[in-house]
């Protein structure tokens, strides 16, 4: 599998490879390039994304990923759900106040199944990470807020 831009990852990519890393060397196009991780030793200091399952309040299931981080905080995990229509929802938006209106109609349907729980798969000896999402998160001044 060739390198991809992180924002180009699709459900099939995650189905084939559960862990991806950001290779920070001259072999990549830019800092958004990800590559499937096949051996844990390759990525000693690399940032990782890990396949995760998401469960809506209505028991609907989705596939996506988390930026692997032991803290469990949404601003470090940056959860993303990938949808079958090719769209995605990013639940961490940094300093930009998000709007559900910026997403596709299919993606906006996720708003109706909040709260959403998530759990990463335990791959390559990485412990599972689990938690919940109340909406689209962002940094509001000096605190974390969300839009439900």
Protein backbone atom coordinates (compact mmCIF):
# COMPACT_ATOMS: atom_id res chain seq x y z
CA UNK A 1 0.00 0.00 0.00
CA UNK A 2 1.33 3.42 -0.96
CA UNK A 3 1.56 6.45 1.27
CA UNK A 4 -1.60 8.53 1.63
CA UNK A 5 -2.55 11.89 2.99
CA UNK A 6 -4.26 11.41 6.36
CA UNK A 7 -7.39 13.19 5.11
CA UNK A 8 -7.61 10.70 2.20
CA UNK A 9 -7.91 7.62 4.42
CA UNK A 10 -11.04 5.60 3.71
CA UNK A 11 -12.85 2.72 5.36
CA UNK A 12 -11.05 0.21 3.11
CA UNK A 13 -7.66 1.58 4.16
CA UNK A 14 -8.48 1.07 7.83
CA UNK A 15 -9.91 -2.37 7.13
CA UNK A 16 -6.59 -3.42 5.56
CA UNK A 17 -4.26 -1.73 8.04
CA UNK A 18 -5.26 -0.88 11.61
CA UNK A 19 -2.29 1.33 12.48
CA UNK A 20 -0.78 4.10 10.38
CA UNK A 21 2.13 6.40 11.20
CA UNK A 22 3.45 9.77 10.11
CA UNK A 23 6.97 9.16 8.72
CA UNK A 24 8.82 12.40 9.34
CA UNK A 25 11.66 12.07 6.88
CA UNK A 26 12.64 13.05 3.34
CA UNK A 27 10.68 10.15 1.83
CA UNK A 28 7.31 11.85 2.32
CA UNK A 29 5.46 14.64 0.55
CA UNK A 30 4.60 16.59 3.73
CA UNK A 31 3.64 16.27 7.40
CA UNK A 32 0.15 14.95 6.52
CA UNK A 33 1.54 11.83 4.82
CA UNK A 34 0.71 8.55 6.55
CA UNK A 35 1.96 5.03 5.91
CA UNK A 36 0.67 1.66 7.14
CA UNK A 37 2.57 0.41 10.17
CA UNK A 38 3.49 -3.24 9.88
CA UNK A 39 6.08 -3.54 12.66
CA UNK A 40 6.05 -1.71 15.97
CA UNK A 41 9.82 -1.13 15.89
CA UNK A 42 9.55 1.13 12.84
CA UNK A 43 7.75 3.86 14.71
CA UNK A 44 9.57 4.36 18.00
CA UNK A 45 8.98 8.13 17.99
CA UNK A 46 6.35 8.54 15.27
CA UNK A 47 2.83 9.81 15.75
CA UNK A 48 0.30 7.01 15.18
CA UNK A 49 -3.32 6.72 14.20
CA UNK A 50 -5.18 3.60 15.27
CA UNK A 51 -8.38 2.04 13.94
CA UNK A 52 -11.31 2.54 16.30
CA UNK A 53 -14.93 1.52 16.51
CA UNK A 54 -17.57 4.13 17.28
CA UNK A 55 -21.02 3.39 18.71
CA UNK A 56 -23.91 5.84 18.52
CA UNK A 57 -26.56 6.23 21.22
CA UNK A 58 -28.95 4.34 18.91
CA UNK A 59 -26.46 1.41 18.64
CA UNK A 60 -25.34 2.42 15.13
CA UNK A 61 -21.72 1.44 14.43
CA UNK A 62 -19.02 3.34 12.59
CA UNK A 63 -15.35 2.89 11.76
CA UNK A 64 -12.75 5.57 12.19
CA UNK A 65 -9.49 6.34 13.90
CA UNK A 66 -7.84 8.06 16.84
CA UNK A 67 -4.44 9.65 17.11
CA UNK A 68 -2.95 7.24 19.62
CA UNK A 69 -2.20 9.04 22.89
CA UNK A 70 -2.13 7.74 26.43
CA UNK A 71 -3.77 10.83 27.94
CA UNK A 72 -7.23 10.04 26.56
CA UNK A 73 -8.03 13.73 25.99
CA UNK A 74 -10.07 14.59 22.90
CA UNK A 75 -7.62 17.31 21.85
CA UNK A 76 -4.86 14.70 21.56
CA UNK A 77 -6.95 11.79 20.25
CA UNK A 78 -8.59 13.90 17.50
CA UNK A 79 -11.30 11.29 16.76
CA UNK A 80 -12.44 10.87 13.15
CA UNK A 81 -15.36 8.79 11.85
CA UNK A 82 -15.20 7.65 8.22
CA UNK A 83 -18.54 7.18 6.47
CA UNK A 84 -19.52 4.84 3.65
CA UNK A 85 -20.28 7.75 1.32
CA UNK A 86 -16.61 8.76 1.49
CA UNK A 87 -17.16 11.70 3.84
CA UNK A 88 -15.81 11.94 7.36
CA UNK A 89 -16.40 13.80 10.61
CA UNK A 90 -13.50 15.23 12.59
CA UNK A 91 -14.47 15.65 16.24
CA UNK A 92 -11.52 17.89 17.18
CA UNK A 93 -11.31 21.26 15.42
CA UNK A 94 -8.59 23.07 17.32
CA UNK A 95 -9.20 26.80 17.70
CA UNK A 96 -11.89 26.89 14.99
CA UNK A 97 -15.47 26.77 16.25
CA UNK A 98 -17.03 23.93 14.25
CA UNK A 99 -20.44 23.77 12.63
CA UNK A 100 -22.43 20.68 11.72
CA UNK A 101 -23.51 22.63 8.63
CA UNK A 102 -19.99 22.29 7.22
CA UNK A 103 -20.48 18.53 6.84
CA UNK A 104 -22.32 16.41 4.27
CA UNK A 105 -25.95 15.49 4.92
CA UNK A 106 -24.84 11.94 5.77
CA UNK A 107 -22.24 13.21 8.22
CA UNK A 108 -24.78 15.53 9.85
CA UNK A 109 -26.85 12.46 10.73
CA UNK A 110 -24.23 11.64 13.37
CA UNK A 111 -25.57 14.55 15.36
CA UNK A 112 -28.75 12.54 15.98
CA UNK A 113 -26.83 9.61 17.54
CA UNK A 114 -24.85 11.59 20.14
CA UNK A 115 -23.34 10.77 22.51
CA UNK A 116 -20.99 8.48 20.62
CA UNK A 117 -18.61 6.13 22.40
CA UNK A 118 -15.34 4.89 20.92
CA UNK A 119 -12.74 2.23 21.55
CA UNK A 120 -9.50 1.72 19.69
CA UNK A 121 -8.36 -1.72 18.71
CA UNK A 122 -5.43 -3.19 20.60
CA UNK A 123 -2.95 -3.56 17.75
CA UNK A 124 0.84 -3.95 17.80
CA UNK A 125 0.74 -4.07 21.60
CA UNK A 126 -0.85 -0.62 21.86
CA UNK A 127 -3.39 -0.55 24.71
CA UNK A 128 -7.01 0.22 23.91
CA UNK A 129 -8.26 3.75 24.34
CA UNK A 130 -11.94 4.35 25.03
CA UNK A 131 -14.14 7.33 25.73
CA UNK A 132 -17.16 9.29 24.62
CA UNK A 133 -18.03 12.22 22.39
CA UNK A 134 -20.77 14.77 23.08
CA UNK A 135 -20.32 16.75 19.86
CA UNK A 136 -17.77 18.61 17.75
CA UNK A 137 -14.99 19.86 20.04
CA UNK A 138 -12.86 22.98 19.85
CA UNK A 139 -10.68 25.23 22.02
CA UNK A 140 -12.78 28.17 23.22
CA UNK A 141 -10.38 30.71 24.76
CA UNK A 142 -8.73 28.52 27.42
CA UNK A 143 -11.24 25.67 27.74
CA UNK A 144 -12.49 22.77 25.65
CA UNK A 145 -16.07 23.27 24.37
CA UNK A 146 -18.31 21.41 21.96
CA UNK A 147 -21.26 21.87 19.65
CA UNK A 148 -23.89 19.15 20.12
